[in-house]
PDB file of N, CA and C in Angstrom:
ATOM      1  N   MET A   1       2.436  -5.655  15.563  1.00  0.00           N
ATOM      2  CA  MET A   1       2.314  -5.774  14.130  1.00  0.00           C
ATOM      3  C   MET A   1       2.767  -7.159  13.651  1.00  0.00           C
ATOM      4  N   ARG A   2       3.823  -7.681  14.263  1.00  0.00           N
ATOM      5  CA  ARG A   2       4.343  -8.968  13.785  1.00  0.00           C
ATOM      6  C   ARG A   2       3.350 -10.099  14.011  1.00  0.00           C
ATOM      7  N   TYR A   3       2.581 -10.053  15.105  1.00  0.00           N
ATOM      8  CA  TYR A   3       1.595 -11.106  15.359  1.00  0.00           C
ATOM      9  C   TYR A   3       0.475 -11.044  14.335  1.00  0.00           C
ATOM     10  N   ARG A   4       0.070  -9.833  13.975  1.00  0.00           N
ATOM     11  CA  ARG A   4      -0.977  -9.665  12.973  1.00  0.00           C
ATOM     12  C   ARG A   4      -0.500 -10.222  11.635  1.00  0.00           C
ATOM     13  N   LEU A   5       0.720  -9.890  11.258  1.00  0.00           N
ATOM     14  CA  LEU A   5       1.248 -10.354   9.973  1.00  0.00           C
ATOM     15  C   LEU A   5       1.487 -11.862   9.955  1.00  0.00           C
ATOM     16  N   ASN A   6       2.077 -12.396  11.005  1.00  0.00           N
ATOM     17  CA  ASN A   6       2.453 -13.810  11.010  1.00  0.00           C
ATOM     18  C   ASN A   6       1.301 -14.766  11.301  1.00  0.00           C
ATOM     19  N   PHE A   7       0.334 -14.334  12.079  1.00  0.00           N
ATOM     20  CA  PHE A   7      -0.770 -15.230  12.429  1.00  0.00           C
ATOM     21  C   PHE A   7      -1.998 -15.064  11.536  1.00  0.00           C
ATOM     22  N   PHE A   8      -2.252 -13.845  11.052  1.00  0.00           N
ATOM     23  CA  PHE A   8      -3.555 -13.581  10.437  1.00  0.00           C
ATOM     24  C   PHE A   8      -3.525 -13.069   8.996  1.00  0.00           C
ATOM     25  N   MET A   9      -2.362 -12.726   8.455  1.00  0.00           N
ATOM     26  CA  MET A   9      -2.306 -12.170   7.099  1.00  0.00           C
ATOM     27  C   MET A   9      -1.872 -13.258   6.104  1.00  0.00           C
ATOM     28  N   PRO A  10      -2.800 -13.746   5.288  1.00  0.00           N
ATOM     29  CA  PRO A  10      -2.438 -14.787   4.327  1.00  0.00           C
ATOM     30  C   PRO A  10      -1.601 -14.217   3.181  1.00  0.00           C
ATOM     31  N   THR A  11      -0.695 -15.038   2.685  1.00  0.00           N
ATOM     32  CA  THR A  11       0.111 -14.681   1.527  1.00  0.00           C
ATOM     33  C   THR A  11       0.064 -15.827   0.517  1.00  0.00           C
ATOM     34  N   MET A  12       0.296 -15.488  -0.730  1.00  0.00           N
ATOM     35  CA  MET A  12       0.337 -16.503  -1.779  1.00  0.00           C
ATOM     36  C   MET A  12       1.785 -16.692  -2.191  1.00  0.00           C
ATOM     37  N   LYS A  13       2.244 -17.921  -2.216  1.00  0.00           N
ATOM     38  CA  LYS A  13       3.607 -18.239  -2.617  1.00  0.00           C
ATOM     39  C   LYS A  13       3.609 -18.710  -4.063  1.00  0.00           C
ATOM     40  N   LEU A  14       4.623 -18.279  -4.792  1.00  0.00           N
ATOM     41  CA  LEU A  14       4.771 -18.673  -6.179  1.00  0.00           C
ATOM     42  C   LEU A  14       5.169 -20.150  -6.258  1.00  0.00           C
ATOM     43  N   GLU A  15       4.392 -20.936  -6.996  1.00  0.00           N
ATOM     44  CA  GLU A  15       4.695 -22.361  -7.168  1.00  0.00           C
ATOM     45  C   GLU A  15       5.516 -22.606  -8.426  1.00  0.00           C
ATOM     46  N   SER A  16       5.151 -21.918  -9.514  1.00  0.00           N
ATOM     47  CA  SER A  16       5.888 -22.138 -10.759  1.00  0.00           C
ATOM     48  C   SER A  16       5.720 -20.955 -11.699  1.00  0.00           C
ATOM     49  N   LYS A  17       6.685 -20.846 -12.623  1.00  0.00           N
ATOM     50  CA  LYS A  17       6.657 -19.839 -13.681  1.00  0.00           C
ATOM     51  C   LYS A  17       6.930 -20.548 -14.994  1.00  0.00           C
ATOM     52  N   VAL A  18       6.114 -20.257 -15.990  1.00  0.00           N
ATOM     53  CA  VAL A  18       6.313 -20.847 -17.310  1.00  0.00           C
ATOM     54  C   VAL A  18       6.327 -19.722 -18.326  1.00  0.00           C
ATOM     55  N   LYS A  19       7.348 -19.724 -19.154  1.00  0.00           N
ATOM     56  CA  LYS A  19       7.441 -18.707 -20.194  1.00  0.00           C
ATOM     57  C   LYS A  19       6.709 -19.216 -21.428  1.00  0.00           C
ATOM     58  N   ALA A  20       5.719 -18.443 -21.865  1.00  0.00           N
ATOM     59  CA  ALA A  20       4.940 -18.792 -23.057  1.00  0.00           C
ATOM     60  C   ALA A  20       5.082 -17.641 -24.041  1.00  0.00           C
ATOM     61  N   GLY A  21       6.068 -17.751 -24.927  1.00  0.00           N
ATOM     62  CA  GLY A  21       6.329 -16.654 -25.862  1.00  0.00           C
ATOM     63  C   GLY A  21       6.899 -15.471 -25.100  1.00  0.00           C
ATOM     64  N   SER A  22       6.236 -14.323 -25.205  1.00  0.00           N
ATOM     65  CA  SER A  22       6.699 -13.136 -24.490  1.00  0.00           C
ATOM     66  C   SER A  22       6.020 -12.988 -23.126  1.00  0.00           C
ATOM     67  N   LYS A  23       5.106 -13.886 -22.823  1.00  0.00           N
ATOM     68  CA  LYS A  23       4.393 -13.838 -21.550  1.00  0.00           C
ATOM     69  C   LYS A  23       4.990 -14.827 -20.558  1.00  0.00           C
ATOM     70  N   GLU A  24       4.809 -14.501 -19.292  1.00  0.00           N
ATOM     71  CA  GLU A  24       5.223 -15.402 -18.226  1.00  0.00           C
ATOM     72  C   GLU A  24       3.971 -15.773 -17.431  1.00  0.00           C
ATOM     73  N   ILE A  25       3.668 -17.051 -17.379  1.00  0.00           N
ATOM     74  CA  ILE A  25       2.485 -17.519 -16.654  1.00  0.00           C
ATOM     75  C   ILE A  25       2.933 -17.997 -15.282  1.00  0.00           C
ATOM     76  N   LYS A  26       2.357 -17.384 -14.255  1.00  0.00           N
ATOM     77  CA  LYS A  26       2.732 -17.714 -12.883  1.00  0.00           C
ATOM     78  C   LYS A  26       1.592 -18.461 -12.209  1.00  0.00           C
ATOM     79  N   LYS A  27       1.954 -19.472 -11.434  1.00  0.00           N
ATOM     80  CA  LYS A  27       0.965 -20.240 -10.691  1.00  0.00           C
ATOM     81  C   LYS A  27       1.294 -20.114  -9.202  1.00  0.00           C
ATOM     82  N   TYR A  28       0.275 -19.770  -8.424  1.00  0.00           N
ATOM     83  CA  TYR A  28       0.445 -19.562  -6.984  1.00  0.00           C
ATOM     84  C   TYR A  28      -0.310 -20.629  -6.203  1.00  0.00           C
ATOM     85  N   ASP A  29       0.161 -20.884  -4.980  1.00  0.00           N
ATOM     86  CA  ASP A  29      -0.552 -21.822  -4.118  1.00  0.00           C
ATOM     87  C   ASP A  29      -1.688 -21.093  -3.403  1.00  0.00           C
ATOM     88  N   GLU A  30      -2.419 -21.818  -2.579  1.00  0.00           N
ATOM     89  CA  GLU A  30      -3.521 -21.232  -1.821  1.00  0.00           C
ATOM     90  C   GLU A  30      -2.979 -20.229  -0.798  1.00  0.00           C
ATOM     91  N   PRO A  31      -3.686 -19.105  -0.590  1.00  0.00           N
ATOM     92  CA  PRO A  31      -3.236 -18.145   0.414  1.00  0.00           C
ATOM     93  C   PRO A  31      -3.299 -18.743   1.825  1.00  0.00           C
ATOM     94  N   ARG A  32      -2.192 -18.645   2.547  1.00  0.00           N
ATOM     95  CA  ARG A  32      -2.125 -19.107   3.936  1.00  0.00           C
ATOM     96  C   ARG A  32      -1.193 -18.178   4.696  1.00  0.00           C
ATOM     97  N   SER A  33      -1.437 -18.055   5.977  1.00  0.00           N
ATOM     98  CA  SER A  33      -0.571 -17.218   6.808  1.00  0.00           C
ATOM     99  C   SER A  33       0.732 -17.975   7.103  1.00  0.00           C
ATOM    100  N   PRO A  34       1.788 -17.252   7.465  1.00  0.00           N
ATOM    101  CA  PRO A  34       3.027 -17.931   7.853  1.00  0.00           C
ATOM    102  C   PRO A  34       2.801 -18.931   8.997  1.00  0.00           C
ATOM    103  N   TYR A  35       1.910 -18.604   9.911  1.00  0.00           N
ATOM    104  CA  TYR A  35       1.562 -19.511  11.012  1.00  0.00           C
ATOM    105  C   TYR A  35       1.010 -20.830  10.464  1.00  0.00           C
ATOM    106  N   GLN A  36       0.092 -20.755   9.521  1.00  0.00           N
ATOM    107  CA  GLN A  36      -0.502 -21.963   8.937  1.00  0.00           C
ATOM    108  C   GLN A  36       0.555 -22.784   8.196  1.00  0.00           C
ATOM    109  N   ARG A  37       1.456 -22.117   7.514  1.00  0.00           N
ATOM    110  CA  ARG A  37       2.514 -22.827   6.790  1.00  0.00           C
ATOM    111  C   ARG A  37       3.446 -23.562   7.760  1.00  0.00           C
ATOM    112  N   LEU A  38       3.738 -22.933   8.900  1.00  0.00           N
ATOM    113  CA  LEU A  38       4.590 -23.584   9.899  1.00  0.00           C
ATOM    114  C   LEU A  38       3.914 -24.817  10.487  1.00  0.00           C
ATOM    115  N   LEU A  39       2.617 -24.721  10.755  1.00  0.00           N
ATOM    116  CA  LEU A  39       1.908 -25.873  11.310  1.00  0.00           C
ATOM    117  C   LEU A  39       1.880 -27.048  10.331  1.00  0.00           C
ATOM    118  N   GLU A  40       1.865 -26.749   9.040  1.00  0.00           N
ATOM    119  CA  GLU A  40       1.852 -27.802   8.021  1.00  0.00           C
ATOM    120  C   GLU A  40       3.232 -28.411   7.792  1.00  0.00           C
ATOM    121  N   SER A  41       4.270 -27.738   8.256  1.00  0.00           N
ATOM    122  CA  SER A  41       5.638 -28.188   8.030  1.00  0.00           C
ATOM    123  C   SER A  41       5.996 -29.375   8.915  1.00  0.00           C
ATOM    124  N   ASP A  42       6.722 -30.313   8.357  1.00  0.00           N
ATOM    125  CA  ASP A  42       7.218 -31.453   9.134  1.00  0.00           C
ATOM    126  C   ASP A  42       8.545 -31.138   9.808  1.00  0.00           C
ATOM    127  N   ALA A  43       9.177 -30.040   9.415  1.00  0.00           N
ATOM    128  CA  ALA A  43      10.494 -29.685   9.947  1.00  0.00           C
ATOM    129  C   ALA A  43      10.418 -29.062  11.341  1.00  0.00           C
ATOM    130  N   LEU A  44       9.237 -28.684  11.773  1.00  0.00           N
ATOM    131  CA  LEU A  44       9.074 -28.007  13.061  1.00  0.00           C
ATOM    132  C   LEU A  44       8.719 -29.010  14.144  1.00  0.00           C
ATOM    133  N   PRO A  45       9.412 -28.978  15.294  1.00  0.00           N
ATOM    134  CA  PRO A  45       9.088 -29.901  16.394  1.00  0.00           C
ATOM    135  C   PRO A  45       7.677 -29.662  16.941  1.00  0.00           C
ATOM    136  N   THR A  46       7.084 -30.698  17.474  1.00  0.00           N
ATOM    137  CA  THR A  46       5.727 -30.627  18.019  1.00  0.00           C
ATOM    138  C   THR A  46       5.623 -29.607  19.142  1.00  0.00           C
ATOM    139  N   GLU A  47       6.661 -29.480  19.961  1.00  0.00           N
ATOM    140  CA  GLU A  47       6.634 -28.523  21.079  1.00  0.00           C
ATOM    141  C   GLU A  47       6.529 -27.089  20.570  1.00  0.00           C
ATOM    142  N   VAL A  48       7.238 -26.798  19.496  1.00  0.00           N
ATOM    143  CA  VAL A  48       7.191 -25.451  18.928  1.00  0.00           C
ATOM    144  C   VAL A  48       5.816 -25.178  18.327  1.00  0.00           C
ATOM    145  N   LYS A  49       5.248 -26.174  17.663  1.00  0.00           N
ATOM    146  CA  LYS A  49       3.902 -26.026  17.108  1.00  0.00           C
ATOM    147  C   LYS A  49       2.885 -25.777  18.220  1.00  0.00           C
ATOM    148  N   ALA A  50       3.038 -26.467  19.338  1.00  0.00           N
ATOM    149  CA  ALA A  50       2.125 -26.278  20.468  1.00  0.00           C
ATOM    150  C   ALA A  50       2.253 -24.864  21.037  1.00  0.00           C
ATOM    151  N   GLU A  51       3.476 -24.354  21.124  1.00  0.00           N
ATOM    152  CA  GLU A  51       3.693 -22.996  21.630  1.00  0.00           C
ATOM    153  C   GLU A  51       3.103 -21.960  20.676  1.00  0.00           C
ATOM    154  N   LEU A  52       3.262 -22.172  19.378  1.00  0.00           N
ATOM    155  CA  LEU A  52       2.666 -21.265  18.398  1.00  0.00           C
ATOM    156  C   LEU A  52       1.147 -21.279  18.484  1.00  0.00           C
ATOM    157  N   THR A  53       0.580 -22.459  18.668  1.00  0.00           N
ATOM    158  CA  THR A  53      -0.878 -22.575  18.798  1.00  0.00           C
ATOM    159  C   THR A  53      -1.360 -21.855  20.053  1.00  0.00           C
ATOM    160  N   ARG A  54      -0.588 -21.948  21.134  1.00  0.00           N
ATOM    161  CA  ARG A  54      -0.935 -21.243  22.364  1.00  0.00           C
ATOM    162  C   ARG A  54      -0.910 -19.728  22.133  1.00  0.00           C
ATOM    163  N   LEU A  55       0.133 -19.244  21.462  1.00  0.00           N
ATOM    164  CA  LEU A  55       0.238 -17.818  21.158  1.00  0.00           C
ATOM    165  C   LEU A  55      -0.900 -17.354  20.253  1.00  0.00           C
ATOM    166  N   TYR A  56      -1.242 -18.168  19.270  1.00  0.00           N
ATOM    167  CA  TYR A  56      -2.320 -17.833  18.343  1.00  0.00           C
ATOM    168  C   TYR A  56      -3.634 -17.593  19.096  1.00  0.00           C
ATOM    169  N   GLY A  57      -3.880 -18.395  20.119  1.00  0.00           N
ATOM    170  CA  GLY A  57      -5.100 -18.252  20.905  1.00  0.00           C
ATOM    171  C   GLY A  57      -5.147 -16.994  21.751  1.00  0.00           C
ATOM    172  N   LEU A  58      -4.016 -16.366  21.966  1.00  0.00           N
ATOM    173  CA  LEU A  58      -3.964 -15.156  22.790  1.00  0.00           C
ATOM    174  C   LEU A  58      -4.380 -13.895  22.051  1.00  0.00           C
ATOM    175  N   TYR A  59      -4.355 -13.934  20.718  1.00  0.00           N
ATOM    176  CA  TYR A  59      -4.546 -12.714  19.944  1.00  0.00           C
ATOM    177  C   TYR A  59      -5.848 -12.704  19.176  1.00  0.00           C
ATOM    178  N   ASN A  60      -6.417 -11.506  19.093  1.00  0.00           N
ATOM    179  CA  ASN A  60      -7.630 -11.250  18.336  1.00  0.00           C
ATOM    180  C   ASN A  60      -7.229 -10.338  17.174  1.00  0.00           C
ATOM    181  N   PRO A  61      -7.465 -10.733  15.927  1.00  0.00           N
ATOM    182  CA  PRO A  61      -7.017  -9.909  14.805  1.00  0.00           C
ATOM    183  C   PRO A  61      -7.628  -8.513  14.788  1.00  0.00           C
ATOM    184  N   VAL A  62      -8.854  -8.378  15.232  1.00  0.00           N
ATOM    185  CA  VAL A  62      -9.502  -7.061  15.265  1.00  0.00           C
ATOM    186  C   VAL A  62      -8.823  -6.175  16.307  1.00  0.00           C
ATOM    187  N   GLN A  63      -8.531  -6.734  17.466  1.00  0.00           N
ATOM    188  CA  GLN A  63      -7.852  -5.969  18.513  1.00  0.00           C
ATOM    189  C   GLN A  63      -6.437  -5.589  18.081  1.00  0.00           C
ATOM    190  N   LEU A  64      -5.744  -6.484  17.414  1.00  0.00           N
ATOM    191  CA  LEU A  64      -4.401  -6.178  16.913  1.00  0.00           C
ATOM    192  C   LEU A  64      -4.450  -5.012  15.924  1.00  0.00           C
ATOM    193  N   GLN A  65      -5.413  -5.029  15.017  1.00  0.00           N
ATOM    194  CA  GLN A  65      -5.542  -3.942  14.048  1.00  0.00           C
ATOM    195  C   GLN A  65      -5.864  -2.632  14.750  1.00  0.00           C
ATOM    196  N   HIS A  66      -6.704  -2.683  15.766  1.00  0.00           N
ATOM    197  CA  HIS A  66      -7.052  -1.490  16.545  1.00  0.00           C
ATOM    198  C   HIS A  66      -5.797  -0.918  17.212  1.00  0.00           C
ATOM    199  N   THR A  67      -4.961  -1.774  17.755  1.00  0.00           N
ATOM    200  CA  THR A  67      -3.724  -1.345  18.403  1.00  0.00           C
ATOM    201  C   THR A  67      -2.776  -0.699  17.397  1.00  0.00           C
ATOM    202  N   VAL A  68      -2.669  -1.279  16.218  1.00  0.00           N
ATOM    203  CA  VAL A  68      -1.821  -0.709  15.168  1.00  0.00           C
ATOM    204  C   VAL A  68      -2.351   0.663  14.756  1.00  0.00           C
ATOM    205  N   ASN A  69      -3.652   0.779  14.584  1.00  0.00           N
ATOM    206  CA  ASN A  69      -4.246   2.060  14.201  1.00  0.00           C
ATOM    207  C   ASN A  69      -3.990   3.129  15.256  1.00  0.00           C
ATOM    208  N   LYS A  70      -4.105   2.773  16.539  1.00  0.00           N
ATOM    209  CA  LYS A  70      -3.837   3.724  17.615  1.00  0.00           C
ATOM    210  C   LYS A  70      -2.378   4.167  17.599  1.00  0.00           C
ATOM    211  N   ALA A  71      -1.458   3.250  17.346  1.00  0.00           N
ATOM    212  CA  ALA A  71      -0.039   3.592  17.299  1.00  0.00           C
ATOM    213  C   ALA A  71       0.262   4.532  16.134  1.00  0.00           C
ATOM    214  N   ILE A  72      -0.359   4.290  14.993  1.00  0.00           N
ATOM    215  CA  ILE A  72      -0.168   5.158  13.834  1.00  0.00           C
ATOM    216  C   ILE A  72      -0.705   6.556  14.130  1.00  0.00           C
ATOM    217  N   LEU A  73      -1.863   6.640  14.744  1.00  0.00           N
ATOM    218  CA  LEU A  73      -2.451   7.934  15.100  1.00  0.00           C
ATOM    219  C   LEU A  73      -1.558   8.681  16.095  1.00  0.00           C
ATOM    220  N   ALA A  74      -1.032   7.978  17.094  1.00  0.00           N
ATOM    221  CA  ALA A  74      -0.156   8.615  18.086  1.00  0.00           C
ATOM    222  C   ALA A  74       1.126   9.116  17.412  1.00  0.00           C
ATOM    223  N   LEU A  75       1.663   8.350  16.481  1.00  0.00           N
ATOM    224  CA  LEU A  75       2.858   8.767  15.760  1.00  0.00           C
ATOM    225  C   LEU A  75       2.573  10.008  14.923  1.00  0.00           C
ATOM    226  N   ARG A  76       1.443  10.001  14.243  1.00  0.00           N
ATOM    227  CA  ARG A  76       1.058  11.168  13.430  1.00  0.00           C
ATOM    228  C   ARG A  76       0.918  12.405  14.306  1.00  0.00           C
ATOM    229  N   GLU A  77       0.274  12.263  15.455  1.00  0.00           N
ATOM    230  CA  GLU A  77       0.097  13.404  16.363  1.00  0.00           C
ATOM    231  C   GLU A  77       1.439  13.905  16.889  1.00  0.00           C
ATOM    232  N   ALA A  78       2.362  13.000  17.173  1.00  0.00           N
ATOM    233  CA  ALA A  78       3.689  13.401  17.654  1.00  0.00           C
ATOM    234  C   ALA A  78       4.449  14.164  16.576  1.00  0.00           C
ATOM    235  N   ILE A  79       4.318  13.749  15.334  1.00  0.00           N
ATOM    236  CA  ILE A  79       4.987  14.445  14.231  1.00  0.00           C
ATOM    237  C   ILE A  79       4.412  15.840  14.061  1.00  0.00           C
ATOM    238  N   VAL A  80       3.103  15.948  14.117  1.00  0.00           N
ATOM    239  CA  VAL A  80       2.461  17.252  13.975  1.00  0.00           C
ATOM    240  C   VAL A  80       2.846  18.169  15.131  1.00  0.00           C
ATOM    241  N   ALA A  81       2.919  17.634  16.326  1.00  0.00           N
ATOM    242  CA  ALA A  81       3.269  18.444  17.492  1.00  0.00           C
ATOM    243  C   ALA A  81       4.700  18.970  17.396  1.00  0.00           C
ATOM    244  N   ARG A  82       5.586  18.237  16.755  1.00  0.00           N
ATOM    245  CA  ARG A  82       6.985  18.657  16.634  1.00  0.00           C
ATOM    246  C   ARG A  82       7.227  19.571  15.445  1.00  0.00           C
ATOM    247  N   SER A  83       6.244  19.674  14.541  1.00  0.00           N
ATOM    248  CA  SER A  83       6.443  20.500  13.356  1.00  0.00           C
ATOM    249  C   SER A  83       6.475  21.979  13.764  1.00  0.00           C
ATOM    250  N   PRO A  84       7.299  22.787  13.071  1.00  0.00           N
ATOM    251  CA  PRO A  84       7.422  24.193  13.440  1.00  0.00           C
ATOM    252  C   PRO A  84       6.160  25.002  13.172  1.00  0.00           C
ATOM    253  N   SER A  85       5.360  24.603  12.219  1.00  0.00           N
ATOM    254  CA  SER A  85       4.141  25.342  11.883  1.00  0.00           C
ATOM    255  C   SER A  85       2.965  24.753  12.644  1.00  0.00           C
ATOM    256  N   SER A  86       2.293  25.586  13.437  1.00  0.00           N
ATOM    257  CA  SER A  86       1.137  25.098  14.186  1.00  0.00           C
ATOM    258  C   SER A  86      -0.115  25.028  13.332  1.00  0.00           C
ATOM    259  N   GLU A  87      -0.050  25.584  12.092  1.00  0.00           N
ATOM    260  CA  GLU A  87      -1.199  25.566  11.190  1.00  0.00           C
ATOM    261  C   GLU A  87      -1.227  24.330  10.311  1.00  0.00           C
ATOM    262  N   ARG A  88      -0.287  23.467  10.473  1.00  0.00           N
ATOM    263  CA  ARG A  88      -0.181  22.273   9.635  1.00  0.00           C
ATOM    264  C   ARG A  88      -1.379  21.349   9.849  1.00  0.00           C
ATOM    265  N   ASN A  89      -1.931  20.818   8.771  1.00  0.00           N
ATOM    266  CA  ASN A  89      -3.091  19.942   8.825  1.00  0.00           C
ATOM    267  C   ASN A  89      -2.626  18.497   8.853  1.00  0.00           C
ATOM    268  N   PRO A  90      -2.904  17.707   9.936  1.00  0.00           N
ATOM    269  CA  PRO A  90      -2.441  16.310  10.012  1.00  0.00           C
ATOM    270  C   PRO A  90      -3.118  15.390   9.008  1.00  0.00           C
ATOM    271  N   ALA A  91      -4.287  15.785   8.481  1.00  0.00           N
ATOM    272  CA  ALA A  91      -5.006  14.928   7.543  1.00  0.00           C
ATOM    273  C   ALA A  91      -4.487  15.091   6.125  1.00  0.00           C
ATOM    274  N   ALA A  92      -3.660  16.084   5.887  1.00  0.00           N
ATOM    275  CA  ALA A  92      -3.179  16.343   4.525  1.00  0.00           C
ATOM    276  C   ALA A  92      -2.099  15.399   4.105  1.00  0.00           C
TER     277      ALA A  92
END
């Protein structure tokens, strides 16, 4: 899950807030993943950026999502199997 979130899930960061009367106007930057933000940072050593880029190449976002879905399904099935009522509907 962490690779999916850090490499492939873009987020928008708040750049500024301005109060206009009773309203608050918020301005956000462009959506980018935490991985993209780290690569743009000057505070990160080149070796670390290279290692992150290597890790990024190892993962497929579709496969990661499939793995997460399988884990959720297995967890749901384990909960249903442990429930005292065998008539319980897992889809409910």
